[in-house]
Amino acid sequence: MSADCPLPIDNEIDLNILEDKTLGDLKFKNNLIHELSCVGGKHLKAAVKRIMSKLFTNSFLSMFSFSGKKGKKKFCDLFILPIILKSIKKQLKFKNTSDHEIEEPIKIYLAQAPFADKNKK
């Protein structure tokens, strides 16, 4: 990734920078999808985990839930969700996976994000 879009994202400003870059530059967006599709994973849950940890810090994700419950921000409305879905489906073994099947491990990852850094200590 380029220096003006640092990953993993740990604040709203960096998220907005990445959003502007992906919306304004199709080549950048396609490169991001390709790069994320290359992180791999033995199964769907592992692939989602690897992509999410490449894109975001757990402390930043702790402000989100998939549908915005419990006063958190909605992850499902973010520009990055379709990019994550496309990057998973770009991997041959997941090409026929439904959006819903991919969203389930994303929901779990978001729910666990507030505790993930604490568990590492």
C-alpha atoms as a PDB file:
ATOM      1  CA  MET A   1       0.000   0.000   0.000  1.00  0.00           C
ATOM      2  CA  SER A   2       1.074   3.545  -0.566  1.00  0.00           C
ATOM      3  CA  ALA A   3       2.429   5.732   2.198  1.00  0.00           C
ATOM      4  CA  ASP A   4      -0.621   8.020   2.093  1.00  0.00           C
ATOM      5  CA  CYS A   5      -2.882   5.085   3.044  1.00  0.00           C
ATOM      6  CA  PRO A   6      -1.210   3.435   6.021  1.00  0.00           C
ATOM      7  CA  LEU A   7      -2.458   0.024   7.099  1.00  0.00           C
ATOM      8  CA  PRO A   8      -3.675  -1.154   9.497  1.00  0.00           C
ATOM      9  CA  ILE A   9      -6.186   1.662   9.966  1.00  0.00           C
ATOM     10  CA  ASP A  10      -6.481   2.835  13.542  1.00  0.00           C
ATOM     11  CA  ASN A  11      -8.489   6.076  13.255  1.00  0.00           C
ATOM     12  CA  GLU A  12     -11.331   7.751  11.339  1.00  0.00           C
ATOM     13  CA  ILE A  13      -8.955  10.040   9.416  1.00  0.00           C
ATOM     14  CA  ASP A  14      -7.040   7.111   7.909  1.00  0.00           C
ATOM     15  CA  LEU A  15     -10.357   5.393   7.146  1.00  0.00           C
ATOM     16  CA  ASN A  16     -11.559   8.504   5.295  1.00  0.00           C
ATOM     17  CA  ILE A  17      -8.262   8.739   3.389  1.00  0.00           C
ATOM     18  CA  LEU A  18      -8.600   5.118   2.270  1.00  0.00           C
ATOM     19  CA  GLU A  19     -12.242   5.696   1.319  1.00  0.00           C
ATOM     20  CA  ASP A  20     -11.385   8.768  -0.778  1.00  0.00           C
ATOM     21  CA  LYS A  21      -8.537   6.891  -2.454  1.00  0.00           C
ATOM     22  CA  THR A  22     -10.649   3.822  -3.325  1.00  0.00           C
ATOM     23  CA  LEU A  23     -13.580   5.905  -4.563  1.00  0.00           C
ATOM     24  CA  GLY A  24     -11.396   8.219  -6.647  1.00  0.00           C
ATOM     25  CA  ASP A  25      -8.862   5.767  -8.047  1.00  0.00           C
ATOM     26  CA  LEU A  26     -10.145   2.546  -9.614  1.00  0.00           C
ATOM     27  CA  LYS A  27      -6.630   1.203 -10.167  1.00  0.00           C
ATOM     28  CA  PHE A  28      -5.809   1.698  -6.471  1.00  0.00           C
ATOM     29  CA  LYS A  29      -9.079  -0.022  -5.476  1.00  0.00           C
ATOM     30  CA  ASN A  30      -8.376  -3.001  -7.743  1.00  0.00           C
ATOM     31  CA  ASN A  31      -4.805  -3.238  -6.425  1.00  0.00           C
ATOM     32  CA  LEU A  32      -6.144  -3.227  -2.854  1.00  0.00           C
ATOM     33  CA  ILE A  33      -8.602  -6.026  -3.680  1.00  0.00           C
ATOM     34  CA  HIS A  34      -5.794  -8.025  -5.291  1.00  0.00           C
ATOM     35  CA  GLU A  35      -3.416  -7.455  -2.360  1.00  0.00           C
ATOM     36  CA  LEU A  36      -6.067  -8.496   0.169  1.00  0.00           C
ATOM     37  CA  SER A  37      -6.972 -11.580  -1.857  1.00  0.00           C
ATOM     38  CA  CYS A  38      -3.346 -12.719  -1.613  1.00  0.00           C
ATOM     39  CA  VAL A  39      -3.306 -12.939   2.201  1.00  0.00           C
ATOM     40  CA  GLY A  40      -5.074 -16.284   1.936  1.00  0.00           C
ATOM     41  CA  GLY A  41      -6.329 -18.481   4.724  1.00  0.00           C
ATOM     42  CA  LYS A  42      -6.981 -22.190   5.111  1.00  0.00           C
ATOM     43  CA  HIS A  43     -10.723 -21.666   5.504  1.00  0.00           C
ATOM     44  CA  LEU A  44     -13.166 -18.761   5.295  1.00  0.00           C
ATOM     45  CA  LYS A  45     -12.870 -17.726   8.949  1.00  0.00           C
ATOM     46  CA  ALA A  46      -9.057 -17.615   8.687  1.00  0.00           C
ATOM     47  CA  ALA A  47      -9.161 -15.639   5.425  1.00  0.00           C
ATOM     48  CA  VAL A  48     -11.530 -13.069   6.952  1.00  0.00           C
ATOM     49  CA  LYS A  49      -9.368 -12.799  10.072  1.00  0.00           C
ATOM     50  CA  ARG A  50      -6.200 -12.248   8.031  1.00  0.00           C
ATOM     51  CA  ILE A  51      -7.824  -9.559   5.865  1.00  0.00           C
ATOM     52  CA  MET A  52      -9.423  -7.766   8.816  1.00  0.00           C
ATOM     53  CA  SER A  53      -6.155  -7.740  10.786  1.00  0.00           C
ATOM     54  CA  LYS A  54      -4.302  -6.405   7.732  1.00  0.00           C
ATOM     55  CA  LEU A  55      -6.849  -3.598   7.301  1.00  0.00           C
ATOM     56  CA  PHE A  56      -7.648  -2.557  10.885  1.00  0.00           C
ATOM     57  CA  THR A  57      -6.353  -2.489  14.433  1.00  0.00           C
ATOM     58  CA  ASN A  58      -8.565  -4.205  17.015  1.00  0.00           C
ATOM     59  CA  SER A  59      -8.819  -0.998  19.046  1.00  0.00           C
ATOM     60  CA  PHE A  60     -10.282   0.817  16.025  1.00  0.00           C
ATOM     61  CA  LEU A  61     -12.685  -2.033  15.227  1.00  0.00           C
ATOM     62  CA  SER A  62     -13.911  -2.057  18.821  1.00  0.00           C
ATOM     63  CA  MET A  63     -15.952   1.069  17.886  1.00  0.00           C
ATOM     64  CA  PHE A  64     -17.935  -0.966  15.329  1.00  0.00           C
ATOM     65  CA  SER A  65     -20.477  -3.736  15.196  1.00  0.00           C
ATOM     66  CA  PHE A  66     -21.692  -5.180  11.925  1.00  0.00           C
ATOM     67  CA  SER A  67     -25.132  -3.561  12.088  1.00  0.00           C
ATOM     68  CA  GLY A  68     -24.409  -0.754  14.570  1.00  0.00           C
ATOM     69  CA  LYS A  69     -25.954  -2.273  17.672  1.00  0.00           C
ATOM     70  CA  LYS A  70     -25.127  -1.235  21.252  1.00  0.00           C
ATOM     71  CA  GLY A  71     -24.362   2.345  20.200  1.00  0.00           C
ATOM     72  CA  LYS A  72     -21.512   1.316  17.938  1.00  0.00           C
ATOM     73  CA  LYS A  73     -20.853   2.455  14.381  1.00  0.00           C
ATOM     74  CA  LYS A  74     -22.194   0.369  11.485  1.00  0.00           C
ATOM     75  CA  PHE A  75     -19.506  -1.652   9.740  1.00  0.00           C
ATOM     76  CA  CYS A  76     -22.012  -2.877   7.131  1.00  0.00           C
ATOM     77  CA  ASP A  77     -22.337   0.666   5.730  1.00  0.00           C
ATOM     78  CA  LEU A  78     -18.602   1.210   5.260  1.00  0.00           C
ATOM     79  CA  PHE A  79     -17.147   1.452   1.750  1.00  0.00           C
ATOM     80  CA  ILE A  80     -14.624  -1.246   2.703  1.00  0.00           C
ATOM     81  CA  LEU A  81     -17.162  -4.081   3.112  1.00  0.00           C
ATOM     82  CA  PRO A  82     -17.655  -4.674  -0.655  1.00  0.00           C
ATOM     83  CA  ILE A  83     -13.860  -4.566  -1.050  1.00  0.00           C
ATOM     84  CA  ILE A  84     -13.473  -7.269   1.625  1.00  0.00           C
ATOM     85  CA  LEU A  85     -16.212  -9.377   0.004  1.00  0.00           C
ATOM     86  CA  LYS A  86     -14.593  -9.083  -3.437  1.00  0.00           C
ATOM     87  CA  SER A  87     -11.142  -9.894  -2.098  1.00  0.00           C
ATOM     88  CA  ILE A  88     -12.461 -13.083  -0.434  1.00  0.00           C
ATOM     89  CA  LYS A  89     -14.345 -14.161  -3.568  1.00  0.00           C
ATOM     90  CA  LYS A  90     -11.263 -13.515  -5.692  1.00  0.00           C
ATOM     91  CA  GLN A  91      -9.627 -16.476  -3.927  1.00  0.00           C
ATOM     92  CA  LEU A  92     -10.521 -19.547  -6.003  1.00  0.00           C
ATOM     93  CA  LYS A  93     -11.677 -21.689  -3.104  1.00  0.00           C
ATOM     94  CA  PHE A  94     -14.164 -18.990  -2.014  1.00  0.00           C
ATOM     95  CA  LYS A  95     -15.381 -17.797  -5.448  1.00  0.00           C
ATOM     96  CA  ASN A  96     -18.854 -19.314  -4.957  1.00  0.00           C
ATOM     97  CA  THR A  97     -19.203 -18.199  -1.337  1.00  0.00           C
ATOM     98  CA  SER A  98     -22.217 -15.955  -0.657  1.00  0.00           C
ATOM     99  CA  ASP A  99     -21.906 -12.490   0.871  1.00  0.00           C
ATOM    100  CA  HIS A 100     -23.883 -13.758   3.864  1.00  0.00           C
ATOM    101  CA  GLU A 101     -21.404 -16.599   4.460  1.00  0.00           C
ATOM    102  CA  ILE A 102     -18.526 -14.090   4.435  1.00  0.00           C
ATOM    103  CA  GLU A 103     -20.362 -11.615   6.666  1.00  0.00           C
ATOM    104  CA  GLU A 104     -20.790 -14.163   9.485  1.00  0.00           C
ATOM    105  CA  PRO A 105     -17.063 -14.411  10.383  1.00  0.00           C
ATOM    106  CA  ILE A 106     -16.801 -10.614   9.960  1.00  0.00           C
ATOM    107  CA  LYS A 107     -19.537 -10.203  12.597  1.00  0.00           C
ATOM    108  CA  ILE A 108     -17.670 -12.542  14.951  1.00  0.00           C
ATOM    109  CA  TYR A 109     -14.356 -10.766  14.329  1.00  0.00           C
ATOM    110  CA  LEU A 110     -15.960  -7.386  15.130  1.00  0.00           C
ATOM    111  CA  ALA A 111     -17.589  -8.750  18.299  1.00  0.00           C
ATOM    112  CA  GLN A 112     -14.226 -10.092  19.514  1.00  0.00           C
ATOM    113  CA  ALA A 113     -12.169  -7.011  18.554  1.00  0.00           C
ATOM    114  CA  PRO A 114     -12.548  -5.187  21.909  1.00  0.00           C
ATOM    115  CA  PHE A 115     -11.098  -8.205  23.718  1.00  0.00           C
ATOM    116  CA  ALA A 116      -8.441  -9.307  21.218  1.00  0.00           C
ATOM    117  CA  ASP A 117      -5.652  -6.974  22.365  1.00  0.00           C
ATOM    118  CA  LYS A 118      -6.370  -7.776  26.018  1.00  0.00           C
ATOM    119  CA  ASN A 119      -6.062 -11.499  25.297  1.00  0.00           C
ATOM    120  CA  LYS A 120      -2.608 -11.062  23.744  1.00  0.00           C
ATOM    121  CA  LYS A 121      -1.130  -9.766  27.000  1.00  0.00           C
END
